[in-house]
Amino acid sequence: WGRPYLTRAAFTLLGERMGDRIALVLAYQD
């Protein structure tokens, strides 16, 4: 899109306000 639509603060607020309705899938290497 040229630039991200959401700000960094959006993710913190989403986690605080609706974390039980979020599933974050992360891949870890070492």
Full PDB file with SEQRES, HELIX, SHEET, SSBOND, CRYST1, ORIGX, SCALE, CONECT and MASTER records, all heavy atoms in Angstrom:
SEQRES   1 A   30  TRP GLY ARG PRO TYR LEU THR ARG ALA ALA PHE THR LEU          
SEQRES   2 A   30  LEU GLY GLU ARG MET GLY ASP ARG ILE ALA LEU VAL LEU          
SEQRES   3 A   30  ALA TYR GLN ASP                                              
HELIX    1 AA1 ARG A    8  MET A   18  1                                  11    
HELIX    2 AA2 GLY A   19  ARG A   21  5                                   3    
CRYST1    1.000    1.000    1.000  90.00  90.00  90.00 P 1           1          
ORIGX1      1.000000  0.000000  0.000000        0.00000                         
ORIGX2      0.000000  1.000000  0.000000        0.00000                         
ORIGX3      0.000000  0.000000  1.000000        0.00000                         
SCALE1      1.000000  0.000000  0.000000        0.00000                         
SCALE2      0.000000  1.000000  0.000000        0.00000                         
SCALE3      0.000000  0.000000  1.000000        0.00000                         
ATOM      1  N   TRP A   1       0.798  -1.218   0.000  1.00  0.00           N  
ATOM      2  CA  TRP A   1       0.000   0.000   0.000  1.00  0.00           C  
ATOM      3  C   TRP A   1       0.840   1.282   0.000  1.00  0.00           C  
ATOM      4  O   TRP A   1       0.279   2.384  -0.032  1.00  0.00           O  
ATOM      5  CB  TRP A   1      -0.916   0.027   1.240  1.00  0.00           C  
ATOM      6  CG  TRP A   1      -1.595  -1.282   1.495  1.00  0.00           C  
ATOM      7  CD1 TRP A   1      -2.362  -1.994   0.614  1.00  0.00           C  
ATOM      8  CD2 TRP A   1      -1.553  -2.060   2.696  1.00  0.00           C  
ATOM      9  NE1 TRP A   1      -2.807  -3.145   1.189  1.00  0.00           N  
ATOM     10  CE2 TRP A   1      -2.333  -3.231   2.472  1.00  0.00           C  
ATOM     11  CE3 TRP A   1      -0.966  -1.883   3.945  1.00  0.00           C  
ATOM     12  CZ2 TRP A   1      -2.516  -4.203   3.437  1.00  0.00           C  
ATOM     13  CZ3 TRP A   1      -1.150  -2.854   4.904  1.00  0.00           C  
ATOM     14  CH2 TRP A   1      -1.908  -3.997   4.648  1.00  0.00           C  
ATOM     15  N   GLY A   2       2.148   1.162   0.052  1.00  0.00           N  
ATOM     16  CA  GLY A   2       2.985   2.348   0.126  1.00  0.00           C  
ATOM     17  C   GLY A   2       3.308   2.729   1.550  1.00  0.00           C  
ATOM     18  O   GLY A   2       4.416   3.146   1.862  1.00  0.00           O  
ATOM     19  N   ARG A   3       2.339   2.580   2.421  1.00  0.00           N  
ATOM     20  CA  ARG A   3       2.556   2.780   3.860  1.00  0.00           C  
ATOM     21  C   ARG A   3       1.521   1.956   4.606  1.00  0.00           C  
ATOM     22  O   ARG A   3       0.405   1.745   4.119  1.00  0.00           O  
ATOM     23  CB  ARG A   3       2.437   4.260   4.246  1.00  0.00           C  
ATOM     24  CG  ARG A   3       1.040   4.839   4.087  1.00  0.00           C  
ATOM     25  CD  ARG A   3       0.968   6.265   4.601  1.00  0.00           C  
ATOM     26  NE  ARG A   3      -0.369   6.817   4.496  1.00  0.00           N  
ATOM     27  CZ  ARG A   3      -1.338   6.631   5.387  1.00  0.00           C  
ATOM     28  NH1 ARG A   3      -1.103   5.887   6.455  1.00  0.00           N  
ATOM     29  NH2 ARG A   3      -2.533   7.175   5.228  1.00  0.00           N  
ATOM     30  N   PRO A   4       1.851   1.482   5.804  1.00  0.00           N  
ATOM     31  CA  PRO A   4       0.882   0.704   6.571  1.00  0.00           C  
ATOM     32  C   PRO A   4      -0.317   1.561   6.980  1.00  0.00           C  
ATOM     33  O   PRO A   4      -0.181   2.755   7.257  1.00  0.00           O  
ATOM     34  CB  PRO A   4       1.682   0.262   7.798  1.00  0.00           C  
ATOM     35  CG  PRO A   4       3.116   0.384   7.405  1.00  0.00           C  
ATOM     36  CD  PRO A   4       3.164   1.537   6.454  1.00  0.00           C  
ATOM     37  N   TYR A   5      -1.496   0.965   7.018  1.00  0.00           N  
ATOM     38  CA  TYR A   5      -2.701   1.695   7.407  1.00  0.00           C  
ATOM     39  C   TYR A   5      -2.800   1.875   8.914  1.00  0.00           C  
ATOM     40  O   TYR A   5      -3.225   2.921   9.403  1.00  0.00           O  
ATOM     41  CB  TYR A   5      -3.946   0.951   6.908  1.00  0.00           C  
ATOM     42  CG  TYR A   5      -4.123   0.932   5.417  1.00  0.00           C  
ATOM     43  CD1 TYR A   5      -4.495  -0.238   4.766  1.00  0.00           C  
ATOM     44  CD2 TYR A   5      -3.928   2.075   4.640  1.00  0.00           C  
ATOM     45  CE1 TYR A   5      -4.680  -0.273   3.392  1.00  0.00           C  
ATOM     46  CE2 TYR A   5      -4.098   2.050   3.262  1.00  0.00           C  
ATOM     47  CZ  TYR A   5      -4.485   0.876   2.644  1.00  0.00           C  
ATOM     48  OH  TYR A   5      -4.662   0.834   1.280  1.00  0.00           O  
ATOM     49  N   LEU A   6      -2.426   0.833   9.662  1.00  0.00           N  
ATOM     50  CA  LEU A   6      -2.557   0.883  11.114  1.00  0.00           C  
ATOM     51  C   LEU A   6      -1.288   1.438  11.742  1.00  0.00           C  
ATOM     52  O   LEU A   6      -0.186   1.204  11.259  1.00  0.00           O  
ATOM     53  CB  LEU A   6      -2.831  -0.516  11.673  1.00  0.00           C  
ATOM     54  CG  LEU A   6      -4.289  -0.967  11.763  1.00  0.00           C  
ATOM     55  CD1 LEU A   6      -4.948  -0.984  10.398  1.00  0.00           C  
ATOM     56  CD2 LEU A   6      -4.392  -2.350  12.413  1.00  0.00           C  
ATOM     57  N   THR A   7      -1.460   2.164  12.826  1.00  0.00           N  
ATOM     58  CA  THR A   7      -0.312   2.642  13.586  1.00  0.00           C  
ATOM     59  C   THR A   7       0.165   1.551  14.545  1.00  0.00           C  
ATOM     60  O   THR A   7      -0.545   0.575  14.809  1.00  0.00           O  
ATOM     61  CB  THR A   7      -0.680   3.884  14.408  1.00  0.00           C  
ATOM     62  OG1 THR A   7      -1.659   3.506  15.400  1.00  0.00           O  
ATOM     63  CG2 THR A   7      -1.269   4.989  13.520  1.00  0.00           C  
ATOM     64  N   ARG A   8       1.360   1.733  15.067  1.00  0.00           N  
ATOM     65  CA  ARG A   8       1.877   0.757  16.041  1.00  0.00           C  
ATOM     66  C   ARG A   8       0.965   0.687  17.260  1.00  0.00           C  
ATOM     67  O   ARG A   8       0.738  -0.396  17.816  1.00  0.00           O  
ATOM     68  CB  ARG A   8       3.311   1.150  16.437  1.00  0.00           C  
ATOM     69  CG  ARG A   8       3.884   0.374  17.637  1.00  0.00           C  
ATOM     70  CD  ARG A   8       3.998  -1.119  17.352  1.00  0.00           C  
ATOM     71  NE  ARG A   8       4.504  -1.849  18.503  1.00  0.00           N  
ATOM     72  CZ  ARG A   8       3.747  -2.275  19.499  1.00  0.00           C  
ATOM     73  NH1 ARG A   8       2.438  -2.042  19.500  1.00  0.00           N  
ATOM     74  NH2 ARG A   8       4.267  -2.948  20.511  1.00  0.00           N  
ATOM     75  N   ALA A   9       0.428   1.841  17.677  1.00  0.00           N  
ATOM     76  CA  ALA A   9      -0.432   1.863  18.862  1.00  0.00           C  
ATOM     77  C   ALA A   9      -1.678   1.017  18.674  1.00  0.00           C  
ATOM     78  O   ALA A   9      -2.243   0.502  19.652  1.00  0.00           O  
ATOM     79  CB  ALA A   9      -0.825   3.302  19.193  1.00  0.00           C  
ATOM     80  N   ALA A  10      -2.124   0.852  17.425  1.00  0.00           N  
ATOM     81  CA  ALA A  10      -3.341   0.075  17.186  1.00  0.00           C  
ATOM     82  C   ALA A  10      -3.196  -1.345  17.693  1.00  0.00           C  
ATOM     83  O   ALA A  10      -4.140  -1.908  18.275  1.00  0.00           O  
ATOM     84  CB  ALA A  10      -3.678   0.077  15.697  1.00  0.00           C  
ATOM     85  N   PHE A  11      -2.027  -1.947  17.509  1.00  0.00           N  
ATOM     86  CA  PHE A  11      -1.848  -3.340  17.909  1.00  0.00           C  
ATOM     87  C   PHE A  11      -1.855  -3.496  19.426  1.00  0.00           C  
ATOM     88  O   PHE A  11      -2.427  -4.449  19.958  1.00  0.00           O  
ATOM     89  CB  PHE A  11      -0.570  -3.898  17.281  1.00  0.00           C  
ATOM     90  CG  PHE A  11      -0.651  -3.990  15.792  1.00  0.00           C  
ATOM     91  CD1 PHE A  11      -0.088  -3.006  14.991  1.00  0.00           C  
ATOM     92  CD2 PHE A  11      -1.318  -5.031  15.176  1.00  0.00           C  
ATOM     93  CE1 PHE A  11      -0.177  -3.073  13.613  1.00  0.00           C  
ATOM     94  CE2 PHE A  11      -1.417  -5.109  13.796  1.00  0.00           C  
ATOM     95  CZ  PHE A  11      -0.841  -4.120  13.013  1.00  0.00           C  
ATOM     96  N   THR A  12      -1.232  -2.553  20.124  1.00  0.00           N  
ATOM     97  CA  THR A  12      -1.287  -2.591  21.584  1.00  0.00           C  
ATOM     98  C   THR A  12      -2.719  -2.477  22.073  1.00  0.00           C  
ATOM     99  O   THR A  12      -3.156  -3.239  22.954  1.00  0.00           O  
ATOM    100  CB  THR A  12      -0.436  -1.469  22.186  1.00  0.00           C  
ATOM    101  OG1 THR A  12       0.948  -1.722  21.922  1.00  0.00           O  
ATOM    102  CG2 THR A  12      -0.629  -1.374  23.699  1.00  0.00           C  
ATOM    103  N   LEU A  13      -3.482  -1.538  21.505  1.00  0.00           N  
ATOM    104  CA  LEU A  13      -4.867  -1.344  21.940  1.00  0.00           C  
ATOM    105  C   LEU A  13      -5.734  -2.552  21.605  1.00  0.00           C  
ATOM    106  O   LEU A  13      -6.584  -2.954  22.397  1.00  0.00           O  
ATOM    107  CB  LEU A  13      -5.446  -0.079  21.301  1.00  0.00           C  
ATOM    108  CG  LEU A  13      -4.850   1.245  21.776  1.00  0.00           C  
ATOM    109  CD1 LEU A  13      -5.463   2.416  21.015  1.00  0.00           C  
ATOM    110  CD2 LEU A  13      -5.057   1.423  23.278  1.00  0.00           C  
ATOM    111  N   LEU A  14      -5.518  -3.143  20.429  1.00  0.00           N  
ATOM    112  CA  LEU A  14      -6.277  -4.341  20.085  1.00  0.00           C  
ATOM    113  C   LEU A  14      -5.979  -5.473  21.065  1.00  0.00           C  
ATOM    114  O   LEU A  14      -6.879  -6.192  21.493  1.00  0.00           O  
ATOM    115  CB  LEU A  14      -5.954  -4.778  18.656  1.00  0.00           C  
ATOM    116  CG  LEU A  14      -6.486  -3.868  17.533  1.00  0.00           C  
ATOM    117  CD1 LEU A  14      -5.902  -4.281  16.193  1.00  0.00           C  
ATOM    118  CD2 LEU A  14      -8.008  -3.894  17.487  1.00  0.00           C  
ATOM    119  N   GLY A  15      -4.710  -5.619  21.419  1.00  0.00           N  
ATOM    120  CA  GLY A  15      -4.344  -6.641  22.387  1.00  0.00           C  
ATOM    121  C   GLY A  15      -4.981  -6.405  23.749  1.00  0.00           C  
ATOM    122  O   GLY A  15      -5.433  -7.340  24.406  1.00  0.00           O  
ATOM    123  N   GLU A  16      -5.023  -5.149  24.174  1.00  0.00           N  
ATOM    124  CA  GLU A  16      -5.599  -4.812  25.477  1.00  0.00           C  
ATOM    125  C   GLU A  16      -7.109  -4.985  25.492  1.00  0.00           C  
ATOM    126  O   GLU A  16      -7.684  -5.447  26.487  1.00  0.00           O  
ATOM    127  CB  GLU A  16      -5.244  -3.374  25.841  1.00  0.00           C  
ATOM    128  CG  GLU A  16      -3.773  -3.149  26.144  1.00  0.00           C  
ATOM    129  CD  GLU A  16      -3.437  -1.686  26.370  1.00  0.00           C  
ATOM    130  OE1 GLU A  16      -4.320  -0.802  26.182  1.00  0.00           O  
ATOM    131  OE2 GLU A  16      -2.270  -1.401  26.706  1.00  0.00           O  
ATOM    132  N   ARG A  17      -7.756  -4.600  24.395  1.00  0.00           N  
ATOM    133  CA  ARG A  17      -9.215  -4.519  24.396  1.00  0.00           C  
ATOM    134  C   ARG A  17      -9.915  -5.784  23.906  1.00  0.00           C  
ATOM    135  O   ARG A  17     -11.075  -6.006  24.247  1.00  0.00           O  
ATOM    136  CB  ARG A  17      -9.670  -3.316  23.559  1.00  0.00           C  
ATOM    137  CG  ARG A  17      -9.197  -2.000  24.140  1.00  0.00           C  
ATOM    138  CD  ARG A  17      -9.604  -0.806  23.297  1.00  0.00           C  
ATOM    139  NE  ARG A  17      -9.029   0.415  23.850  1.00  0.00           N  
ATOM    140  CZ  ARG A  17      -9.242   1.647  23.374  1.00  0.00           C  
ATOM    141  NH1 ARG A  17     -10.042   1.796  22.305  1.00  0.00           N  
ATOM    142  NH2 ARG A  17      -8.680   2.694  23.939  1.00  0.00           N  
ATOM    143  N   MET A  18      -9.216  -6.573  23.088  1.00  0.00           N  
ATOM    144  CA  MET A  18      -9.877  -7.765  22.542  1.00  0.00           C  
ATOM    145  C   MET A  18      -8.888  -8.900  22.321  1.00  0.00           C  
ATOM    146  O   MET A  18      -9.001  -9.663  21.367  1.00  0.00           O  
ATOM    147  CB  MET A  18     -10.618  -7.417  21.246  1.00  0.00           C  
ATOM    148  CG  MET A  18      -9.790  -6.737  20.187  1.00  0.00           C  
ATOM    149  SD  MET A  18     -10.781  -6.121  18.759  1.00  0.00           S  
ATOM    150  CE  MET A  18     -11.679  -7.557  18.227  1.00  0.00           C  
ATOM    151  N   GLY A  19      -7.905  -9.006  23.224  1.00  0.00           N  
ATOM    152  CA  GLY A  19      -6.869 -10.026  23.076  1.00  0.00           C  
ATOM    153  C   GLY A  19      -7.408 -11.439  23.048  1.00  0.00           C  
ATOM    154  O   GLY A  19      -6.840 -12.317  22.384  1.00  0.00           O  
ATOM    155  N   ASP A  20      -8.534 -11.685  23.741  1.00  0.00           N  
ATOM    156  CA  ASP A  20      -9.100 -13.027  23.746  1.00  0.00           C  
ATOM    157  C   ASP A  20      -9.753 -13.388  22.418  1.00  0.00           C  
ATOM    158  O   ASP A  20     -10.102 -14.548  22.186  1.00  0.00           O  
ATOM    159  CB  ASP A  20     -10.118 -13.171  24.880  1.00  0.00           C  
ATOM    160  CG  ASP A  20     -11.266 -12.183  24.776  1.00  0.00           C  
ATOM    161  OD1 ASP A  20     -11.104 -11.133  24.131  1.00  0.00           O  
ATOM    162  OD2 ASP A  20     -12.351 -12.460  25.343  1.00  0.00           O  
ATOM    163  N   ARG A  21      -9.898 -12.401  21.534  1.00  0.00           N  
ATOM    164  CA  ARG A  21     -10.463 -12.651  20.204  1.00  0.00           C  
ATOM    165  C   ARG A  21      -9.390 -12.549  19.118  1.00  0.00           C  
ATOM    166  O   ARG A  21      -9.698 -12.414  17.945  1.00  0.00           O  
ATOM    167  CB  ARG A  21     -11.615 -11.682  19.924  1.00  0.00           C  
ATOM    168  CG  ARG A  21     -12.873 -12.001  20.718  1.00  0.00           C  
ATOM    169  CD  ARG A  21     -14.025 -11.098  20.367  1.00  0.00           C  
ATOM    170  NE  ARG A  21     -13.927  -9.819  21.050  1.00  0.00           N  
ATOM    171  CZ  ARG A  21     -14.798  -8.815  20.880  1.00  0.00           C  
ATOM    172  NH1 ARG A  21     -15.794  -8.957  20.030  1.00  0.00           N  
ATOM    173  NH2 ARG A  21     -14.649  -7.685  21.548  1.00  0.00           N  
ATOM    174  N   ILE A  22      -8.128 -12.606  19.538  1.00  0.00           N  
ATOM    175  CA  ILE A  22      -7.000 -12.527  18.615  1.00  0.00           C  
ATOM    176  C   ILE A  22      -6.176 -13.804  18.712  1.00  0.00           C  
ATOM    177  O   ILE A  22      -5.949 -14.325  19.816  1.00  0.00           O  
ATOM    178  CB  ILE A  22      -6.126 -11.300  18.937  1.00  0.00           C  
ATOM    179  CG1 ILE A  22      -6.847 -10.011  18.530  1.00  0.00           C  
ATOM    180  CG2 ILE A  22      -4.765 -11.394  18.257  1.00  0.00           C  
ATOM    181  CD1 ILE A  22      -6.133  -8.743  18.956  1.00  0.00           C  
ATOM    182  N   ALA A  23      -5.744 -14.304  17.566  1.00  0.00           N  
ATOM    183  CA  ALA A  23      -4.801 -15.421  17.519  1.00  0.00           C  
ATOM    184  C   ALA A  23      -3.616 -14.981  16.666  1.00  0.00           C  
ATOM    185  O   ALA A  23      -3.760 -14.762  15.461  1.00  0.00           O  
ATOM    186  CB  ALA A  23      -5.448 -16.665  16.930  1.00  0.00           C  
ATOM    187  N   LEU A  24      -2.478 -14.800  17.296  1.00  0.00           N  
ATOM    188  CA  LEU A  24      -1.259 -14.366  16.619  1.00  0.00           C  
ATOM    189  C   LEU A  24      -0.370 -15.584  16.405  1.00  0.00           C  
ATOM    190  O   LEU A  24       0.073 -16.221  17.366  1.00  0.00           O  
ATOM    191  CB  LEU A  24      -0.538 -13.309  17.452  1.00  0.00           C  
ATOM    192  CG  LEU A  24       0.768 -12.755  16.873  1.00  0.00           C  
ATOM    193  CD1 LEU A  24       0.538 -12.061  15.535  1.00  0.00           C  
ATOM    194  CD2 LEU A  24       1.425 -11.801  17.866  1.00  0.00           C  
ATOM    195  N   VAL A  25      -0.134 -15.922  15.148  1.00  0.00           N  
ATOM    196  CA  VAL A  25       0.692 -17.074  14.797  1.00  0.00           C  
ATOM    197  C   VAL A  25       2.081 -16.563  14.436  1.00  0.00           C  
ATOM    198  O   VAL A  25       2.239 -15.781  13.489  1.00  0.00           O  
ATOM    199  CB  VAL A  25       0.090 -17.862  13.623  1.00  0.00           C  
ATOM    200  CG1 VAL A  25       0.936 -19.099  13.325  1.00  0.00           C  
ATOM    201  CG2 VAL A  25      -1.350 -18.261  13.914  1.00  0.00           C  
ATOM    202  N   LEU A  26       3.095 -16.989  15.198  1.00  0.00           N  
ATOM    203  CA  LEU A  26       4.464 -16.531  14.976  1.00  0.00           C  
ATOM    204  C   LEU A  26       5.359 -17.727  14.662  1.00  0.00           C  
ATOM    205  O   LEU A  26       5.226 -18.801  15.257  1.00  0.00           O  
ATOM    206  CB  LEU A  26       5.007 -15.810  16.205  1.00  0.00           C  
ATOM    207  CG  LEU A  26       4.347 -14.473  16.580  1.00  0.00           C  
ATOM    208  CD1 LEU A  26       4.949 -13.920  17.870  1.00  0.00           C  
ATOM    209  CD2 LEU A  26       4.492 -13.453  15.454  1.00  0.00           C  
ATOM    210  N   ALA A  27       6.278 -17.509  13.723  1.00  0.00           N  
ATOM    211  CA  ALA A  27       7.304 -18.501  13.398  1.00  0.00           C  
ATOM    212  C   ALA A  27       8.630 -18.015  13.975  1.00  0.00           C  
ATOM    213  O   ALA A  27       9.042 -16.873  13.728  1.00  0.00           O  
ATOM    214  CB  ALA A  27       7.410 -18.682  11.896  1.00  0.00           C  
ATOM    215  N   TYR A  28       9.284 -18.891  14.745  1.00  0.00           N  
ATOM    216  CA  TYR A  28      10.549 -18.560  15.386  1.00  0.00           C  
ATOM    217  C   TYR A  28      11.670 -19.392  14.761  1.00  0.00           C  
ATOM    218  O   TYR A  28      11.500 -20.588  14.512  1.00  0.00           O  
ATOM    219  CB  TYR A  28      10.494 -18.864  16.882  1.00  0.00           C  
ATOM    220  CG  TYR A  28       9.571 -17.982  17.678  1.00  0.00           C  
ATOM    221  CD1 TYR A  28       8.202 -18.221  17.681  1.00  0.00           C  
ATOM    222  CD2 TYR A  28      10.064 -16.922  18.435  1.00  0.00           C  
ATOM    223  CE1 TYR A  28       7.341 -17.422  18.432  1.00  0.00           C  
ATOM    224  CE2 TYR A  28       9.219 -16.116  19.182  1.00  0.00           C  
ATOM    225  CZ  TYR A  28       7.860 -16.371  19.172  1.00  0.00           C  
ATOM    226  OH  TYR A  28       7.017 -15.583  19.918  1.00  0.00           O  
ATOM    227  N   GLN A  29      12.808 -18.744  14.547  1.00  0.00           N  
ATOM    228  CA  GLN A  29      14.010 -19.449  14.121  1.00  0.00           C  
ATOM    229  C   GLN A  29      15.117 -19.109  15.117  1.00  0.00           C  
ATOM    230  O   GLN A  29      15.436 -17.931  15.319  1.00  0.00           O  
ATOM    231  CB  GLN A  29      14.415 -19.021  12.708  1.00  0.00           C  
ATOM    232  CG  GLN A  29      15.552 -19.838  12.122  1.00  0.00           C  
ATOM    233  CD  GLN A  29      15.791 -19.475  10.667  1.00  0.00           C  
ATOM    234  OE1 GLN A  29      16.368 -18.444  10.363  1.00  0.00           O  
ATOM    235  NE2 GLN A  29      15.339 -20.351   9.765  1.00  0.00           N  
ATOM    236  N   ASP A  30      15.654 -20.137  15.743  1.00  0.00           N  
ATOM    237  CA  ASP A  30      16.672 -19.946  16.791  1.00  0.00           C  
ATOM    238  C   ASP A  30      16.187 -18.974  17.867  1.00  0.00           C  
ATOM    239  O   ASP A  30      16.939 -18.132  18.371  1.00  0.00           O  
ATOM    240  CB  ASP A  30      17.976 -19.432  16.176  1.00  0.00           C  
ATOM    241  CG  ASP A  30      18.565 -20.410  15.181  1.00  0.00           C  
ATOM    242  OD1 ASP A  30      18.409 -21.628  15.388  1.00  0.00           O  
ATOM    243  OD2 ASP A  30      19.156 -19.956  14.171  1.00  0.00           O  
TER     244      ASP A  30                                                      
MASTER        0    0    0    2    0    0    0    6  243    1    0    3          
END                                                                             
